[in-house]
Amino acid sequence: MPQRSHLNTEKKIVEAMIYLYCKKNHGTTERLCTECQELLNYAHKRLGNCKFGEDKPTCAKCTVHCYKPDMRERIKKVMRYSGPRMLYTHPLLAIRHLWDGRNRQAAD
């Protein structure tokens, strides 16, 4: 069985958060609005270029702010909204994210 990639999991988590935010705040159903699709593409690009690679901490614990200021504000807004709701909509991803954040913090 192939080992799971931490970065791929992070991409799934951010995607789920953006979809949840867009659905509830922009009234979308199956697709993201243009603004949220742009944010998702940007987030995936930043994760793909992360200098920490598989050792990347959760964004809240990261020492490098790789997002442009406007995009950083947008993703923070999405995370503030979606984070608490993830336990209801995507419980396994939410627990995995909390677990990774706790384990990566303990390793520091």
PDB file of N, CA and C in Angstrom:
ATOM      1  N   MET A   1       0.849  -1.184   0.000  1.00  0.00           N
ATOM      2  CA  MET A   1       0.000   0.000   0.000  1.00  0.00           C
ATOM      3  C   MET A   1       0.892   1.245   0.000  1.00  0.00           C
ATOM      4  N   PRO A   2       0.664   2.196  -0.909  1.00  0.00           N
ATOM      5  CA  PRO A   2       1.516   3.387  -0.967  1.00  0.00           C
ATOM      6  C   PRO A   2       1.309   4.281   0.255  1.00  0.00           C
ATOM      7  N   GLN A   3       2.385   4.933   0.651  1.00  0.00           N
ATOM      8  CA  GLN A   3       2.332   5.836   1.794  1.00  0.00           C
ATOM      9  C   GLN A   3       1.615   7.120   1.381  1.00  0.00           C
ATOM     10  N   ARG A   4       0.789   7.652   2.290  1.00  0.00           N
ATOM     11  CA  ARG A   4       0.076   8.895   2.013  1.00  0.00           C
ATOM     12  C   ARG A   4       1.036  10.069   2.063  1.00  0.00           C
ATOM     13  N   SER A   5       0.835  10.985   1.167  1.00  0.00           N
ATOM     14  CA  SER A   5       1.642  12.193   1.137  1.00  0.00           C
ATOM     15  C   SER A   5       0.984  13.246   2.027  1.00  0.00           C
ATOM     16  N   HIS A   6       1.782  13.822   2.903  1.00  0.00           N
ATOM     17  CA  HIS A   6       1.275  14.881   3.783  1.00  0.00           C
ATOM     18  C   HIS A   6       0.794  16.067   2.960  1.00  0.00           C
ATOM     19  N   LEU A   7       1.529  16.436   1.923  1.00  0.00           N
ATOM     20  CA  LEU A   7       1.135  17.578   1.095  1.00  0.00           C
ATOM     21  C   LEU A   7      -0.162  17.304   0.343  1.00  0.00           C
ATOM     22  N   ASN A   8      -0.364  16.080  -0.117  1.00  0.00           N
ATOM     23  CA  ASN A   8      -1.624  15.751  -0.785  1.00  0.00           C
ATOM     24  C   ASN A   8      -2.795  15.848   0.186  1.00  0.00           C
ATOM     25  N   THR A   9      -2.581  15.427   1.427  1.00  0.00           N
ATOM     26  CA  THR A   9      -3.622  15.556   2.437  1.00  0.00           C
ATOM     27  C   THR A   9      -3.922  17.019   2.712  1.00  0.00           C
ATOM     28  N   GLU A  10      -2.884  17.844   2.797  1.00  0.00           N
ATOM     29  CA  GLU A  10      -3.076  19.285   3.002  1.00  0.00           C
ATOM     30  C   GLU A  10      -3.873  19.884   1.855  1.00  0.00           C
ATOM     31  N   LYS A  11      -3.600  19.446   0.639  1.00  0.00           N
ATOM     32  CA  LYS A  11      -4.343  19.938  -0.528  1.00  0.00           C
ATOM     33  C   LYS A  11      -5.813  19.549  -0.436  1.00  0.00           C
ATOM     34  N   LYS A  12      -6.088  18.326  -0.017  1.00  0.00           N
ATOM     35  CA  LYS A  12      -7.482  17.878   0.133  1.00  0.00           C
ATOM     36  C   LYS A  12      -8.199  18.686   1.209  1.00  0.00           C
ATOM     37  N   ILE A  13      -7.494  18.974   2.292  1.00  0.00           N
ATOM     38  CA  ILE A  13      -8.095  19.731   3.390  1.00  0.00           C
ATOM     39  C   ILE A  13      -8.436  21.148   2.948  1.00  0.00           C
ATOM     40  N   VAL A  14      -7.494  21.820   2.309  1.00  0.00           N
ATOM     41  CA  VAL A  14      -7.751  23.201   1.877  1.00  0.00           C
ATOM     42  C   VAL A  14      -8.848  23.222   0.820  1.00  0.00           C
ATOM     43  N   GLU A  15      -8.887  22.228  -0.034  1.00  0.00           N
ATOM     44  CA  GLU A  15      -9.938  22.152  -1.051  1.00  0.00           C
ATOM     45  C   GLU A  15     -11.306  21.978  -0.397  1.00  0.00           C
ATOM     46  N   ALA A  16     -11.398  21.091   0.572  1.00  0.00           N
ATOM     47  CA  ALA A  16     -12.663  20.877   1.282  1.00  0.00           C
ATOM     48  C   ALA A  16     -13.107  22.151   1.992  1.00  0.00           C
ATOM     49  N   MET A  17     -12.158  22.865   2.592  1.00  0.00           N
ATOM     50  CA  MET A  17     -12.486  24.108   3.288  1.00  0.00           C
ATOM     51  C   MET A  17     -13.010  25.165   2.322  1.00  0.00           C
ATOM     52  N   ILE A  18     -12.366  25.295   1.184  1.00  0.00           N
ATOM     53  CA  ILE A  18     -12.794  26.295   0.199  1.00  0.00           C
ATOM     54  C   ILE A  18     -14.156  25.930  -0.377  1.00  0.00           C
ATOM     55  N   TYR A  19     -14.391  24.645  -0.676  1.00  0.00           N
ATOM     56  CA  TYR A  19     -15.698  24.227  -1.184  1.00  0.00           C
ATOM     57  C   TYR A  19     -16.799  24.513  -0.167  1.00  0.00           C
ATOM     58  N   LEU A  20     -16.552  24.202   1.088  1.00  0.00           N
ATOM     59  CA  LEU A  20     -17.536  24.459   2.132  1.00  0.00           C
ATOM     60  C   LEU A  20     -17.842  25.954   2.244  1.00  0.00           C
ATOM     61  N   TYR A  21     -16.790  26.750   2.256  1.00  0.00           N
ATOM     62  CA  TYR A  21     -16.951  28.201   2.350  1.00  0.00           C
ATOM     63  C   TYR A  21     -17.740  28.744   1.155  1.00  0.00           C
ATOM     64  N   CYS A  22     -17.373  28.330  -0.030  1.00  0.00           N
ATOM     65  CA  CYS A  22     -18.005  28.835  -1.249  1.00  0.00           C
ATOM     66  C   CYS A  22     -19.487  28.439  -1.292  1.00  0.00           C
ATOM     67  N   LYS A  23     -19.766  27.204  -0.939  1.00  0.00           N
ATOM     68  CA  LYS A  23     -21.151  26.720  -0.958  1.00  0.00           C
ATOM     69  C   LYS A  23     -22.020  27.529  -0.004  1.00  0.00           C
ATOM     70  N   LYS A  24     -21.527  27.771   1.188  1.00  0.00           N
ATOM     71  CA  LYS A  24     -22.330  28.461   2.206  1.00  0.00           C
ATOM     72  C   LYS A  24     -22.339  29.972   2.059  1.00  0.00           C
ATOM     73  N   ASN A  25     -21.295  30.551   1.484  1.00  0.00           N
ATOM     74  CA  ASN A  25     -21.203  32.010   1.403  1.00  0.00           C
ATOM     75  C   ASN A  25     -21.460  32.578   0.011  1.00  0.00           C
ATOM     76  N   HIS A  26     -21.294  31.761  -1.016  1.00  0.00           N
ATOM     77  CA  HIS A  26     -21.493  32.243  -2.377  1.00  0.00           C
ATOM     78  C   HIS A  26     -22.613  31.498  -3.094  1.00  0.00           C
ATOM     79  N   GLY A  27     -23.241  30.549  -2.405  1.00  0.00           N
ATOM     80  CA  GLY A  27     -24.390  29.843  -2.958  1.00  0.00           C
ATOM     81  C   GLY A  27     -24.093  28.894  -4.095  1.00  0.00           C
ATOM     82  N   THR A  28     -22.870  28.412  -4.194  1.00  0.00           N
ATOM     83  CA  THR A  28     -22.527  27.470  -5.258  1.00  0.00           C
ATOM     84  C   THR A  28     -22.970  26.062  -4.867  1.00  0.00           C
ATOM     85  N   THR A  29     -23.036  25.173  -5.851  1.00  0.00           N
ATOM     86  CA  THR A  29     -23.430  23.798  -5.548  1.00  0.00           C
ATOM     87  C   THR A  29     -22.327  22.811  -5.910  1.00  0.00           C
ATOM     88  N   GLU A  30     -22.046  22.650  -7.196  1.00  0.00           N
ATOM     89  CA  GLU A  30     -21.066  21.647  -7.608  1.00  0.00           C
ATOM     90  C   GLU A  30     -19.702  22.240  -7.928  1.00  0.00           C
ATOM     91  N   ARG A  31     -19.680  23.451  -8.406  1.00  0.00           N
ATOM     92  CA  ARG A  31     -18.421  24.103  -8.792  1.00  0.00           C
ATOM     93  C   ARG A  31     -18.160  25.295  -7.888  1.00  0.00           C
ATOM     94  N   LEU A  32     -16.904  25.674  -7.842  1.00  0.00           N
ATOM     95  CA  LEU A  32     -16.529  26.876  -7.104  1.00  0.00           C
ATOM     96  C   LEU A  32     -16.807  28.107  -7.950  1.00  0.00           C
ATOM     97  N   CYS A  33     -17.076  29.233  -7.292  1.00  0.00           N
ATOM     98  CA  CYS A  33     -17.167  30.489  -8.015  1.00  0.00           C
ATOM     99  C   CYS A  33     -15.752  30.843  -8.509  1.00  0.00           C
ATOM    100  N   THR A  34     -15.653  31.799  -9.370  1.00  0.00           N
ATOM    101  CA  THR A  34     -14.361  32.182  -9.946  1.00  0.00           C
ATOM    102  C   THR A  34     -13.372  32.602  -8.871  1.00  0.00           C
ATOM    103  N   GLU A  35     -13.836  33.379  -7.907  1.00  0.00           N
ATOM    104  CA  GLU A  35     -12.968  33.874  -6.833  1.00  0.00           C
ATOM    105  C   GLU A  35     -12.409  32.729  -5.992  1.00  0.00           C
ATOM    106  N   CYS A  36     -13.260  31.780  -5.640  1.00  0.00           N
ATOM    107  CA  CYS A  36     -12.808  30.653  -4.814  1.00  0.00           C
ATOM    108  C   CYS A  36     -11.940  29.680  -5.610  1.00  0.00           C
ATOM    109  N   GLN A  37     -12.233  29.513  -6.895  1.00  0.00           N
ATOM    110  CA  GLN A  37     -11.388  28.652  -7.739  1.00  0.00           C
ATOM    111  C   GLN A  37      -9.988  29.242  -7.846  1.00  0.00           C
ATOM    112  N   GLU A  38      -9.906  30.563  -7.958  1.00  0.00           N
ATOM    113  CA  GLU A  38      -8.613  31.243  -8.002  1.00  0.00           C
ATOM    114  C   GLU A  38      -7.843  31.017  -6.697  1.00  0.00           C
ATOM    115  N   LEU A  39      -8.543  31.089  -5.581  1.00  0.00           N
ATOM    116  CA  LEU A  39      -7.902  30.860  -4.280  1.00  0.00           C
ATOM    117  C   LEU A  39      -7.428  29.416  -4.160  1.00  0.00           C
ATOM    118  N   LEU A  40      -8.233  28.468  -4.602  1.00  0.00           N
ATOM    119  CA  LEU A  40      -7.841  27.055  -4.550  1.00  0.00           C
ATOM    120  C   LEU A  40      -6.611  26.799  -5.419  1.00  0.00           C
ATOM    121  N   ASN A  41      -6.607  27.331  -6.631  1.00  0.00           N
ATOM    122  CA  ASN A  41      -5.448  27.157  -7.509  1.00  0.00           C
ATOM    123  C   ASN A  41      -4.197  27.736  -6.863  1.00  0.00           C
ATOM    124  N   TYR A  42      -4.324  28.898  -6.265  1.00  0.00           N
ATOM    125  CA  TYR A  42      -3.198  29.554  -5.606  1.00  0.00           C
ATOM    126  C   TYR A  42      -2.699  28.718  -4.421  1.00  0.00           C
ATOM    127  N   ALA A  43      -3.635  28.227  -3.609  1.00  0.00           N
ATOM    128  CA  ALA A  43      -3.262  27.422  -2.443  1.00  0.00           C
ATOM    129  C   ALA A  43      -2.536  26.146  -2.869  1.00  0.00           C
ATOM    130  N   HIS A  44      -3.042  25.482  -3.891  1.00  0.00           N
ATOM    131  CA  HIS A  44      -2.395  24.258  -4.376  1.00  0.00           C
ATOM    132  C   HIS A  44      -1.001  24.559  -4.919  1.00  0.00           C
ATOM    133  N   LYS A  45      -0.870  25.672  -5.609  1.00  0.00           N
ATOM    134  CA  LYS A  45       0.439  26.057  -6.139  1.00  0.00           C
ATOM    135  C   LYS A  45       1.426  26.317  -5.001  1.00  0.00           C
ATOM    136  N   ARG A  46       0.989  27.029  -3.972  1.00  0.00           N
ATOM    137  CA  ARG A  46       1.855  27.335  -2.832  1.00  0.00           C
ATOM    138  C   ARG A  46       2.244  26.050  -2.096  1.00  0.00           C
ATOM    139  N   LEU A  47       1.299  25.142  -1.908  1.00  0.00           N
ATOM    140  CA  LEU A  47       1.617  23.871  -1.252  1.00  0.00           C
ATOM    141  C   LEU A  47       2.607  23.063  -2.091  1.00  0.00           C
ATOM    142  N   GLY A  48       2.414  23.074  -3.400  1.00  0.00           N
ATOM    143  CA  GLY A  48       3.314  22.343  -4.296  1.00  0.00           C
ATOM    144  C   GLY A  48       4.728  22.889  -4.288  1.00  0.00           C
ATOM    145  N   ASN A  49       4.883  24.159  -3.978  1.00  0.00           N
ATOM    146  CA  ASN A  49       6.198  24.796  -3.951  1.00  0.00           C
ATOM    147  C   ASN A  49       6.747  24.996  -2.544  1.00  0.00           C
ATOM    148  N   CYS A  50       6.120  24.405  -1.556  1.00  0.00           N
ATOM    149  CA  CYS A  50       6.537  24.605  -0.166  1.00  0.00           C
ATOM    150  C   CYS A  50       7.978  24.132   0.039  1.00  0.00           C
ATOM    151  N   LYS A  51       8.793  25.021   0.601  1.00  0.00           N
ATOM    152  CA  LYS A  51      10.206  24.692   0.802  1.00  0.00           C
ATOM    153  C   LYS A  51      10.423  23.604   1.850  1.00  0.00           C
ATOM    154  N   PHE A  52       9.412  23.356   2.692  1.00  0.00           N
ATOM    155  CA  PHE A  52       9.529  22.328   3.728  1.00  0.00           C
ATOM    156  C   PHE A  52       9.153  20.940   3.214  1.00  0.00           C
ATOM    157  N   GLY A  53       8.503  20.882   2.062  1.00  0.00           N
ATOM    158  CA  GLY A  53       8.114  19.600   1.488  1.00  0.00           C
ATOM    159  C   GLY A  53       7.239  18.797   2.430  1.00  0.00           C
ATOM    160  N   GLU A  54       7.527  17.520   2.552  1.00  0.00           N
ATOM    161  CA  GLU A  54       6.729  16.634   3.408  1.00  0.00           C
ATOM    162  C   GLU A  54       6.873  16.956   4.898  1.00  0.00           C
ATOM    163  N   ASP A  55       7.853  17.770   5.261  1.00  0.00           N
ATOM    164  CA  ASP A  55       8.031  18.169   6.664  1.00  0.00           C
ATOM    165  C   ASP A  55       7.289  19.459   6.990  1.00  0.00           C
ATOM    166  N   LYS A  56       6.428  19.904   6.082  1.00  0.00           N
ATOM    167  CA  LYS A  56       5.695  21.147   6.242  1.00  0.00           C
ATOM    168  C   LYS A  56       4.828  21.107   7.501  1.00  0.00           C
ATOM    169  N   PRO A  57       4.916  22.158   8.323  1.00  0.00           N
ATOM    170  CA  PRO A  57       3.995  22.247   9.462  1.00  0.00           C
ATOM    171  C   PRO A  57       2.630  22.719   8.964  1.00  0.00           C
ATOM    172  N   THR A  58       1.627  22.690   9.822  1.00  0.00           N
ATOM    173  CA  THR A  58       0.356  23.267   9.425  1.00  0.00           C
ATOM    174  C   THR A  58       0.568  24.762   9.215  1.00  0.00           C
ATOM    175  N   CYS A  59      -0.260  25.373   8.399  1.00  0.00           N
ATOM    176  CA  CYS A  59      -0.077  26.789   8.053  1.00  0.00           C
ATOM    177  C   CYS A  59      -0.043  27.678   9.295  1.00  0.00           C
ATOM    178  N   ALA A  60      -0.871  27.362  10.277  1.00  0.00           N
ATOM    179  CA  ALA A  60      -0.918  28.178  11.491  1.00  0.00           C
ATOM    180  C   ALA A  60       0.401  28.152  12.255  1.00  0.00           C
ATOM    181  N   LYS A  61       1.174  27.098  12.093  1.00  0.00           N
ATOM    182  CA  LYS A  61       2.440  26.947  12.816  1.00  0.00           C
ATOM    183  C   LYS A  61       3.662  27.262  11.960  1.00  0.00           C
ATOM    184  N   CYS A  62       3.438  27.606  10.698  1.00  0.00           N
ATOM    185  CA  CYS A  62       4.554  27.813   9.773  1.00  0.00           C
ATOM    186  C   CYS A  62       5.275  29.132  10.051  1.00  0.00           C
ATOM    187  N   THR A  63       6.587  29.105   9.906  1.00  0.00           N
ATOM    188  CA  THR A  63       7.405  30.301  10.135  1.00  0.00           C
ATOM    189  C   THR A  63       7.553  31.145   8.873  1.00  0.00           C
ATOM    190  N   VAL A  64       7.191  30.583   7.719  1.00  0.00           N
ATOM    191  CA  VAL A  64       7.310  31.286   6.452  1.00  0.00           C
ATOM    192  C   VAL A  64       5.900  31.573   5.931  1.00  0.00           C
ATOM    193  N   HIS A  65       5.626  32.826   5.648  1.00  0.00           N
ATOM    194  CA  HIS A  65       4.324  33.187   5.088  1.00  0.00           C
ATOM    195  C   HIS A  65       4.478  33.303   3.578  1.00  0.00           C
ATOM    196  N   CYS A  66       4.091  32.252   2.875  1.00  0.00           N
ATOM    197  CA  CYS A  66       4.338  32.181   1.441  1.00  0.00           C
ATOM    198  C   CYS A  66       3.191  32.748   0.612  1.00  0.00           C
ATOM    199  N   TYR A  67       2.087  33.120   1.241  1.00  0.00           N
ATOM    200  CA  TYR A  67       0.974  33.710   0.520  1.00  0.00           C
ATOM    201  C   TYR A  67       1.160  35.213   0.398  1.00  0.00           C
ATOM    202  N   LYS A  68       0.737  35.783  -0.730  1.00  0.00           N
ATOM    203  CA  LYS A  68       0.692  37.235  -0.864  1.00  0.00           C
ATOM    204  C   LYS A  68      -0.307  37.748   0.177  1.00  0.00           C
ATOM    205  N   PRO A  69      -0.129  38.956   0.684  1.00  0.00           N
ATOM    206  CA  PRO A  69      -1.006  39.461   1.754  1.00  0.00           C
ATOM    207  C   PRO A  69      -2.504  39.354   1.456  1.00  0.00           C
ATOM    208  N   ASP A  70      -2.938  39.697   0.249  1.00  0.00           N
ATOM    209  CA  ASP A  70      -4.372  39.624  -0.056  1.00  0.00           C
ATOM    210  C   ASP A  70      -4.876  38.186  -0.069  1.00  0.00           C
ATOM    211  N   MET A  71      -4.080  37.281  -0.606  1.00  0.00           N
ATOM    212  CA  MET A  71      -4.475  35.871  -0.627  1.00  0.00           C
ATOM    213  C   MET A  71      -4.434  35.274   0.780  1.00  0.00           C
ATOM    214  N   ARG A  72      -3.503  35.737   1.577  1.00  0.00           N
ATOM    215  CA  ARG A  72      -3.410  35.265   2.953  1.00  0.00           C
ATOM    216  C   ARG A  72      -4.668  35.651   3.731  1.00  0.00           C
ATOM    217  N   GLU A  73      -5.149  36.857   3.537  1.00  0.00           N
ATOM    218  CA  GLU A  73      -6.377  37.289   4.199  1.00  0.00           C
ATOM    219  C   GLU A  73      -7.576  36.472   3.724  1.00  0.00           C
ATOM    220  N   ARG A  74      -7.608  36.180   2.443  1.00  0.00           N
ATOM    221  CA  ARG A  74      -8.721  35.386   1.899  1.00  0.00           C
ATOM    222  C   ARG A  74      -8.726  33.972   2.472  1.00  0.00           C
ATOM    223  N   ILE A  75      -7.553  33.331   2.520  1.00  0.00           N
ATOM    224  CA  ILE A  75      -7.510  31.957   3.024  1.00  0.00           C
ATOM    225  C   ILE A  75      -7.779  31.922   4.526  1.00  0.00           C
ATOM    226  N   LYS A  76      -7.348  32.952   5.250  1.00  0.00           N
ATOM    227  CA  LYS A  76      -7.647  33.009   6.681  1.00  0.00           C
ATOM    228  C   LYS A  76      -9.149  33.116   6.920  1.00  0.00           C
ATOM    229  N   LYS A  77      -9.819  33.898   6.092  1.00  0.00           N
ATOM    230  CA  LYS A  77     -11.275  34.040   6.204  1.00  0.00           C
ATOM    231  C   LYS A  77     -11.964  32.697   5.952  1.00  0.00           C
ATOM    232  N   VAL A  78     -11.496  31.997   4.921  1.00  0.00           N
ATOM    233  CA  VAL A  78     -12.050  30.673   4.604  1.00  0.00           C
ATOM    234  C   VAL A  78     -11.806  29.707   5.758  1.00  0.00           C
ATOM    235  N   MET A  79     -10.587  29.691   6.286  1.00  0.00           N
ATOM    236  CA  MET A  79     -10.245  28.753   7.362  1.00  0.00           C
ATOM    237  C   MET A  79     -11.010  29.057   8.652  1.00  0.00           C
ATOM    238  N   ARG A  80     -11.197  30.341   8.950  1.00  0.00           N
ATOM    239  CA  ARG A  80     -11.968  30.705  10.143  1.00  0.00           C
ATOM    240  C   ARG A  80     -13.409  30.215  10.032  1.00  0.00           C
ATOM    241  N   TYR A  81     -13.959  30.315   8.847  1.00  0.00           N
ATOM    242  CA  TYR A  81     -15.331  29.864   8.646  1.00  0.00           C
ATOM    243  C   TYR A  81     -15.416  28.338   8.613  1.00  0.00           C
ATOM    244  N   SER A  82     -14.587  27.728   7.793  1.00  0.00           N
ATOM    245  CA  SER A  82     -14.705  26.299   7.520  1.00  0.00           C
ATOM    246  C   SER A  82     -14.105  25.404   8.593  1.00  0.00           C
ATOM    247  N   GLY A  83     -13.058  25.860   9.242  1.00  0.00           N
ATOM    248  CA  GLY A  83     -12.370  25.023  10.222  1.00  0.00           C
ATOM    249  C   GLY A  83     -13.290  24.357  11.227  1.00  0.00           C
ATOM    250  N   PRO A  84     -14.081  25.137  11.966  1.00  0.00           N
ATOM    251  CA  PRO A  84     -14.975  24.517  12.958  1.00  0.00           C
ATOM    252  C   PRO A  84     -16.048  23.625  12.331  1.00  0.00           C
ATOM    253  N   ARG A  85     -16.465  23.916  11.123  1.00  0.00           N
ATOM    254  CA  ARG A  85     -17.532  23.156  10.463  1.00  0.00           C
ATOM    255  C   ARG A  85     -17.024  21.864   9.835  1.00  0.00           C
ATOM    256  N   MET A  86     -15.710  21.751   9.672  1.00  0.00           N
ATOM    257  CA  MET A  86     -15.133  20.563   9.053  1.00  0.00           C
ATOM    258  C   MET A  86     -15.421  19.295   9.856  1.00  0.00           C
ATOM    259  N   LEU A  87     -15.539  19.416  11.159  1.00  0.00           N
ATOM    260  CA  LEU A  87     -15.844  18.231  11.974  1.00  0.00           C
ATOM    261  C   LEU A  87     -17.186  17.614  11.594  1.00  0.00           C
ATOM    262  N   TYR A  88     -18.114  18.430  11.101  1.00  0.00           N
ATOM    263  CA  TYR A  88     -19.429  17.930  10.704  1.00  0.00           C
ATOM    264  C   TYR A  88     -19.479  17.486   9.253  1.00  0.00           C
ATOM    265  N   THR A  89     -18.762  18.189   8.392  1.00  0.00           N
ATOM    266  CA  THR A  89     -18.846  17.895   6.962  1.00  0.00           C
ATOM    267  C   THR A  89     -17.775  16.925   6.477  1.00  0.00           C
ATOM    268  N   HIS A  90     -16.593  16.994   7.060  1.00  0.00           N
ATOM    269  CA  HIS A  90     -15.463  16.136   6.675  1.00  0.00           C
ATOM    270  C   HIS A  90     -14.713  15.710   7.941  1.00  0.00           C
ATOM    271  N   PRO A  91     -15.337  14.894   8.774  1.00  0.00           N
ATOM    272  CA  PRO A  91     -14.737  14.581  10.078  1.00  0.00           C
ATOM    273  C   PRO A  91     -13.356  13.927  10.003  1.00  0.00           C
ATOM    274  N   LEU A  92     -13.139  13.036   9.040  1.00  0.00           N
ATOM    275  CA  LEU A  92     -11.838  12.365   8.967  1.00  0.00           C
ATOM    276  C   LEU A  92     -10.729  13.342   8.586  1.00  0.00           C
ATOM    277  N   LEU A  93     -11.000  14.216   7.629  1.00  0.00           N
ATOM    278  CA  LEU A  93     -10.000  15.218   7.254  1.00  0.00           C
ATOM    279  C   LEU A  93      -9.723  16.170   8.412  1.00  0.00           C
ATOM    280  N   ALA A  94     -10.770  16.563   9.116  1.00  0.00           N
ATOM    281  CA  ALA A  94     -10.606  17.486  10.240  1.00  0.00           C
ATOM    282  C   ALA A  94      -9.762  16.861  11.344  1.00  0.00           C
ATOM    283  N   ILE A  95     -10.055  15.624  11.677  1.00  0.00           N
ATOM    284  CA  ILE A  95      -9.289  14.935  12.724  1.00  0.00           C
ATOM    285  C   ILE A  95      -7.838  14.744  12.274  1.00  0.00           C
ATOM    286  N   ARG A  96      -7.665  14.389  11.025  1.00  0.00           N
ATOM    287  CA  ARG A  96      -6.298  14.218  10.495  1.00  0.00           C
ATOM    288  C   ARG A  96      -5.510  15.531  10.583  1.00  0.00           C
ATOM    289  N   HIS A  97      -6.161  16.635  10.237  1.00  0.00           N
ATOM    290  CA  HIS A  97      -5.518  17.946  10.285  1.00  0.00           C
ATOM    291  C   HIS A  97      -5.163  18.318  11.730  1.00  0.00           C
ATOM    292  N   LEU A  98      -6.087  18.096  12.644  1.00  0.00           N
ATOM    293  CA  LEU A  98      -5.807  18.377  14.059  1.00  0.00           C
ATOM    294  C   LEU A  98      -4.664  17.506  14.568  1.00  0.00           C
ATOM    295  N   TRP A  99      -4.680  16.245  14.190  1.00  0.00           N
ATOM    296  CA  TRP A  99      -3.632  15.302  14.612  1.00  0.00           C
ATOM    297  C   TRP A  99      -2.277  15.722  14.054  1.00  0.00           C
ATOM    298  N   ASP A 100      -2.238  16.051  12.770  1.00  0.00           N
ATOM    299  CA  ASP A 100      -0.981  16.492  12.154  1.00  0.00           C
ATOM    300  C   ASP A 100      -0.462  17.760  12.815  1.00  0.00           C
ATOM    301  N   GLY A 101      -1.351  18.705  13.070  1.00  0.00           N
ATOM    302  CA  GLY A 101      -0.947  19.952  13.712  1.00  0.00           C
ATOM    303  C   GLY A 101      -0.375  19.708  15.091  1.00  0.00           C
ATOM    304  N   ARG A 102      -0.978  18.820  15.820  1.00  0.00           N
ATOM    305  CA  ARG A 102      -0.509  18.504  17.176  1.00  0.00           C
ATOM    306  C   ARG A 102       0.845  17.764  17.128  1.00  0.00           C
ATOM    307  N   ASN A 103       0.958  16.791  16.240  1.00  0.00           N
ATOM    308  CA  ASN A 103       2.201  16.018  16.126  1.00  0.00           C
ATOM    309  C   ASN A 103       3.352  16.852  15.591  1.00  0.00           C
ATOM    310  N   ARG A 104       3.086  17.683  14.620  1.00  0.00           N
ATOM    311  CA  ARG A 104       4.139  18.506  14.049  1.00  0.00           C
ATOM    312  C   ARG A 104       4.559  19.591  15.038  1.00  0.00           C
ATOM    313  N   GLN A 105       3.643  20.059  15.852  1.00  0.00           N
ATOM    314  CA  GLN A 105       3.989  21.040  16.883  1.00  0.00           C
ATOM    315  C   GLN A 105       4.865  20.388  17.961  1.00  0.00           C
ATOM    316  N   ALA A 106       4.549  19.161  18.330  1.00  0.00           N
ATOM    317  CA  ALA A 106       5.311  18.452  19.354  1.00  0.00           C
ATOM    318  C   ALA A 106       6.725  18.141  18.885  1.00  0.00           C
ATOM    319  N   ALA A 107       6.892  17.974  17.567  1.00  0.00           N
ATOM    320  CA  ALA A 107       8.219  17.650  17.025  1.00  0.00           C
ATOM    321  C   ALA A 107       9.153  18.831  17.032  1.00  0.00           C
ATOM    322  N   ASP A 108       8.607  20.047  17.105  1.00  0.00           N
ATOM    323  CA  ASP A 108       9.444  21.268  17.081  1.00  0.00           C
ATOM    324  C   ASP A 108      10.222  21.443  18.354  1.00  0.00           C
TER     325      ASP A 108
END
